[in-house]
Amino acid sequence: MTVLALTLAGPMQAWGSGSRFATRATDDAPTKSGVIGLLAAARGLRRTDPLEDLLSLRFGVRIDQPGELLRDFQTARTLDGGTSMPLSYRYYRADARYVVALEADRALLESLVDALRSPVFPLYLGRRSCPPSEPLAPRLREAALEQVLIDEPWQAAAWWRRKLDGDPVDLEFRMDGEGGAAPGLRVLGTSTQRDEPRSFDPQNRQYGWRTVTHGVIPLRAGGPPAVAGLAHEPMTELE
């Protein structure tokens, strides 16, 4: 099977799978619905358009740099200033970096690579206020999804790796389905998550449940090597 790997990085990301009303939470890793929404935007699909073959993608994600949880307190008023709107709290992951893996037929993945390189609509990492800080670097791998999560180079920034000071690192992962046995990958359990998109139509949003396998990839025990470093890393100047 063929797998499409992406790197998702930005100053802020927000991947909510169950937020409502005045509190907008974020998960600690990209959701399947959020990533499919990103792919739909790249293709130029409207919210009311059917998701078609995107629903066939098998999804996995590896947390290469978890970042920090950030809370934003927001106020709003009507345009005439006469009425205050409800106060809201919005949560984000700051300075996080992820590897996303999508398994499917090669022809479908090749079309997604083309769309991501020349997206119709702007791409964002969960919310419109969260653009990526660098290209998603779409690349195709001829391997199972599990193996791609193991083999992809560690995408953590150089300043993050220095902060770890050579300590052993376990990279957390999540992926569709049960099982996932592979050398270099340790499964810790399964859970269910309601982020399987059926429709993004604002009048009829629909999400289904999916089974998620989660575990860790020990970086010092056959895990992926670190990337050489980013060509442009502005946060280094602030150290």
Protein backbone atom coordinates (compact mmCIF):
# COMPACT_ATOMS: atom_id res chain seq x y z
CA MET A 1 0.00 0.00 0.00
CA THR A 2 1.08 3.60 -0.57
CA VAL A 3 1.20 6.21 2.19
CA LEU A 4 1.21 10.00 1.95
CA ALA A 5 3.25 11.63 4.74
CA LEU A 6 2.86 15.29 5.76
CA THR A 7 4.57 17.55 8.29
CA LEU A 8 2.21 19.85 10.20
CA ALA A 9 3.97 22.69 12.02
CA GLY A 10 2.92 26.17 13.09
CA PRO A 11 3.04 28.69 15.94
CA MET A 12 -0.47 27.58 16.93
CA GLN A 13 -2.66 24.63 16.01
CA ALA A 14 -6.15 23.67 17.20
CA TRP A 15 -7.62 20.22 16.67
CA GLY A 16 -10.96 19.96 18.44
CA SER A 17 -13.02 16.76 18.36
CA GLY A 18 -15.83 17.69 20.73
CA SER A 19 -15.91 21.44 21.45
CA ARG A 20 -19.16 23.32 21.85
CA PHE A 21 -20.44 26.73 22.91
CA ALA A 22 -18.07 29.05 24.81
CA THR A 23 -15.16 26.66 25.38
CA ARG A 24 -13.23 25.52 22.30
CA ALA A 25 -10.79 22.82 23.33
CA THR A 26 -8.03 21.19 21.33
CA ASP A 27 -6.78 17.63 21.26
CA ASP A 28 -3.04 17.06 21.63
CA ALA A 29 -2.75 15.74 18.05
CA PRO A 30 -4.42 16.41 14.70
CA THR A 31 -7.88 14.88 14.30
CA LYS A 32 -8.98 12.89 11.28
CA SER A 33 -11.77 15.36 10.57
CA GLY A 34 -9.33 18.29 10.73
CA VAL A 35 -6.86 16.71 8.32
CA ILE A 36 -9.60 15.67 5.88
CA GLY A 37 -10.89 19.25 6.05
CA LEU A 38 -7.41 20.47 5.13
CA LEU A 39 -7.29 18.09 2.16
CA ALA A 40 -10.77 19.17 1.06
CA ALA A 41 -9.65 22.82 1.14
CA ALA A 42 -6.61 21.98 -0.98
CA ARG A 43 -8.91 20.33 -3.53
CA GLY A 44 -11.28 23.30 -3.58
CA LEU A 45 -14.27 21.48 -2.08
CA ARG A 46 -17.02 23.57 -0.51
CA ARG A 47 -18.42 22.64 2.89
CA THR A 48 -21.58 21.36 1.22
CA ASP A 49 -19.69 19.17 -1.28
CA PRO A 50 -19.52 15.39 -0.69
CA LEU A 51 -16.19 14.19 0.68
CA GLU A 52 -16.19 11.25 -1.72
CA ASP A 53 -12.93 9.28 -1.77
CA LEU A 54 -11.40 11.20 1.14
CA LEU A 55 -13.48 9.01 3.44
CA SER A 56 -11.48 5.95 2.35
CA LEU A 57 -8.20 7.25 3.78
CA ARG A 58 -6.62 5.33 6.65
CA PHE A 59 -5.23 7.90 9.08
CA GLY A 60 -2.27 7.98 11.46
CA VAL A 61 -0.35 10.70 13.28
CA ARG A 62 2.92 10.86 15.23
CA ILE A 63 3.59 13.58 17.81
CA ASP A 64 7.16 14.71 17.11
CA GLN A 65 7.02 17.87 19.22
CA PRO A 66 4.02 18.19 21.56
CA GLY A 67 4.49 21.89 22.24
CA GLU A 68 2.51 23.62 24.98
CA LEU A 69 -1.19 24.09 25.70
CA LEU A 70 -2.20 27.75 25.24
CA ARG A 71 -5.47 29.30 26.43
CA ASP A 72 -6.88 32.40 24.72
CA PHE A 73 -9.62 34.41 26.42
CA GLN A 74 -11.86 36.20 23.90
CA THR A 75 -14.53 38.86 24.15
CA ALA A 76 -16.81 40.17 21.40
CA ARG A 77 -19.51 42.78 20.87
CA THR A 78 -22.07 43.39 18.16
CA LEU A 79 -21.15 45.76 15.34
CA ASP A 80 -22.98 48.70 16.93
CA GLY A 81 -21.28 48.01 20.26
CA GLY A 82 -24.55 47.77 22.10
CA THR A 83 -24.63 44.08 22.99
CA SER A 84 -21.88 41.95 24.48
CA MET A 85 -21.48 38.45 23.11
CA PRO A 86 -20.73 35.44 25.34
CA LEU A 87 -17.18 35.25 26.65
CA SER A 88 -15.22 32.36 25.20
CA TYR A 89 -12.08 30.37 25.87
CA ARG A 90 -10.09 28.92 22.97
CA TYR A 91 -7.29 26.43 23.44
CA TYR A 92 -4.34 25.86 21.11
CA ARG A 93 -1.19 23.77 20.83
CA ALA A 94 1.74 26.18 20.57
CA ASP A 95 5.01 25.22 18.81
CA ALA A 96 3.84 21.67 18.06
CA ARG A 97 5.04 19.51 15.15
CA TYR A 98 3.40 16.36 13.80
CA VAL A 99 3.88 13.74 11.10
CA VAL A 100 0.57 12.72 9.51
CA ALA A 101 0.32 9.51 7.47
CA LEU A 102 -2.54 8.70 5.08
CA GLU A 103 -2.82 5.24 3.52
CA ALA A 104 -4.81 4.65 0.32
CA ASP A 105 -4.62 3.84 -3.36
CA ARG A 106 -1.61 5.49 -5.02
CA ALA A 107 -3.68 7.32 -7.65
CA LEU A 108 -5.73 9.04 -4.94
CA LEU A 109 -2.63 10.02 -2.97
CA GLU A 110 -0.90 11.39 -6.07
CA SER A 111 -3.90 13.64 -6.69
CA LEU A 112 -3.68 14.87 -3.08
CA VAL A 113 0.02 15.66 -3.47
CA ASP A 114 -0.82 17.84 -6.49
CA ALA A 115 -3.61 19.58 -4.57
CA LEU A 116 -1.43 20.27 -1.53
CA ARG A 117 1.31 21.78 -3.69
CA SER A 118 -1.19 24.11 -5.41
CA PRO A 119 -4.14 24.43 -2.99
CA VAL A 120 -7.36 26.09 -4.15
CA PHE A 121 -8.25 27.45 -0.70
CA PRO A 122 -5.82 28.52 2.06
CA LEU A 123 -4.67 25.70 4.33
CA TYR A 124 -4.88 25.97 8.10
CA LEU A 125 -4.11 23.73 11.05
CA GLY A 126 -7.52 23.14 12.57
CA ARG A 127 -8.74 26.77 12.72
CA ARG A 128 -8.51 29.60 10.22
CA SER A 129 -6.33 31.58 12.62
CA CYS A 130 -3.69 28.81 12.50
CA PRO A 131 -1.80 28.80 9.18
CA PRO A 132 1.16 26.43 8.78
CA SER A 133 4.57 28.01 9.29
CA GLU A 134 6.23 25.95 6.55
CA PRO A 135 5.29 23.77 3.56
CA LEU A 136 3.56 20.50 4.42
CA ALA A 137 6.19 18.66 2.34
CA PRO A 138 3.88 15.96 0.92
CA ARG A 139 5.83 12.78 0.12
CA LEU A 140 4.78 9.30 -0.95
CA ARG A 141 6.12 6.15 0.71
CA GLU A 142 5.68 2.55 -0.46
CA ALA A 143 5.07 0.91 2.90
CA ALA A 144 2.34 0.18 5.42
CA LEU A 145 1.10 3.07 7.53
CA GLU A 146 2.67 1.58 10.67
CA GLN A 147 6.08 1.38 9.01
CA VAL A 148 5.91 4.96 7.76
CA LEU A 149 5.19 6.20 11.28
CA ILE A 150 8.29 4.31 12.43
CA ASP A 151 10.61 5.32 9.59
CA GLU A 152 9.81 8.99 8.98
CA PRO A 153 12.65 11.25 10.25
CA TRP A 154 12.02 12.99 13.56
CA GLN A 155 10.64 16.45 12.72
CA ALA A 156 11.28 18.19 16.05
CA ALA A 157 13.00 21.57 15.81
CA ALA A 158 16.66 21.83 16.77
CA TRP A 159 15.87 23.99 19.82
CA TRP A 160 13.40 21.34 21.06
CA ARG A 161 15.93 18.54 20.63
CA ARG A 162 18.54 20.55 22.54
CA LYS A 163 16.05 21.05 25.38
CA LEU A 164 15.74 17.27 25.73
CA ASP A 165 19.51 17.11 26.27
CA GLY A 166 19.96 13.63 24.83
CA ASP A 167 17.28 11.98 26.99
CA PRO A 168 15.49 8.92 25.52
CA VAL A 169 12.38 9.96 23.62
CA ASP A 170 9.14 8.05 23.10
CA LEU A 171 7.14 9.53 20.22
CA GLU A 172 3.39 9.05 20.75
CA PHE A 173 1.29 7.88 17.81
CA ARG A 174 -2.39 7.27 16.98
CA MET A 175 -3.82 5.45 13.98
CA ASP A 176 -7.06 4.04 12.62
CA GLY A 177 -8.15 0.54 13.57
CA GLU A 178 -6.94 -2.08 16.00
CA GLY A 179 -3.58 -3.83 16.08
CA GLY A 180 -0.64 -2.06 14.49
CA ALA A 181 2.01 -4.58 15.51
CA ALA A 182 5.42 -3.80 13.99
CA PRO A 183 9.02 -3.91 15.23
CA GLY A 184 9.91 -0.55 16.75
CA LEU A 185 6.31 0.31 17.60
CA ARG A 186 4.77 -0.33 21.04
CA VAL A 187 0.97 -0.44 21.24
CA LEU A 188 -0.49 0.72 24.56
CA GLY A 189 -4.20 0.34 23.89
CA THR A 190 -7.23 1.36 21.87
CA SER A 191 -9.99 3.92 22.28
CA THR A 192 -12.83 5.45 20.28
CA GLN A 193 -13.00 8.98 18.94
CA ARG A 194 -15.82 10.82 17.21
CA ASP A 195 -13.92 12.58 14.42
CA GLU A 196 -14.77 10.50 11.36
CA PRO A 197 -16.30 13.15 9.08
CA ARG A 198 -19.44 12.37 7.09
CA SER A 199 -20.39 15.91 6.10
CA PHE A 200 -19.01 19.42 6.77
CA ASP A 201 -22.28 21.07 5.67
CA PRO A 202 -22.98 23.82 8.27
CA GLN A 203 -26.67 22.85 8.19
CA ASN A 204 -26.00 19.15 8.65
CA ARG A 205 -22.57 18.41 10.15
CA GLN A 206 -22.09 14.69 10.71
CA TYR A 207 -19.28 12.79 12.44
CA GLY A 208 -18.94 9.10 13.14
CA TRP A 209 -16.97 7.10 15.69
CA ARG A 210 -13.73 5.32 14.83
CA THR A 211 -11.43 2.96 16.70
CA VAL A 212 -8.01 4.43 17.44
CA THR A 213 -4.86 2.49 18.34
CA HIS A 214 -2.36 4.47 20.39
CA GLY A 215 1.16 3.82 21.62
CA VAL A 216 4.76 4.99 21.41
CA ILE A 217 7.78 4.69 19.12
CA PRO A 218 11.02 4.65 21.17
CA LEU A 219 13.41 6.97 19.35
CA ARG A 220 16.49 5.24 20.79
CA ALA A 221 15.28 1.74 19.88
CA GLY A 222 14.95 1.65 16.14
CA GLY A 223 12.98 4.87 15.87
CA PRO A 224 13.48 7.47 13.15
CA PRO A 225 16.62 9.65 13.12
CA ALA A 226 16.31 13.38 13.59
CA VAL A 227 16.14 15.63 10.57
CA ALA A 228 19.27 17.67 9.93
CA GLY A 229 17.52 20.89 10.89
CA LEU A 230 15.18 23.48 9.44
CA ALA A 231 16.47 25.88 6.83
CA HIS A 232 14.67 28.75 8.56
CA GLU A 233 14.10 28.57 12.30
CA PRO A 234 13.21 32.05 13.62
CA MET A 235 12.68 30.94 17.24
CA THR A 236 16.40 30.14 17.54
CA GLU A 237 17.13 33.87 17.57
CA LEU A 238 15.05 34.27 20.74
CA GLU A 239 17.05 31.80 22.84
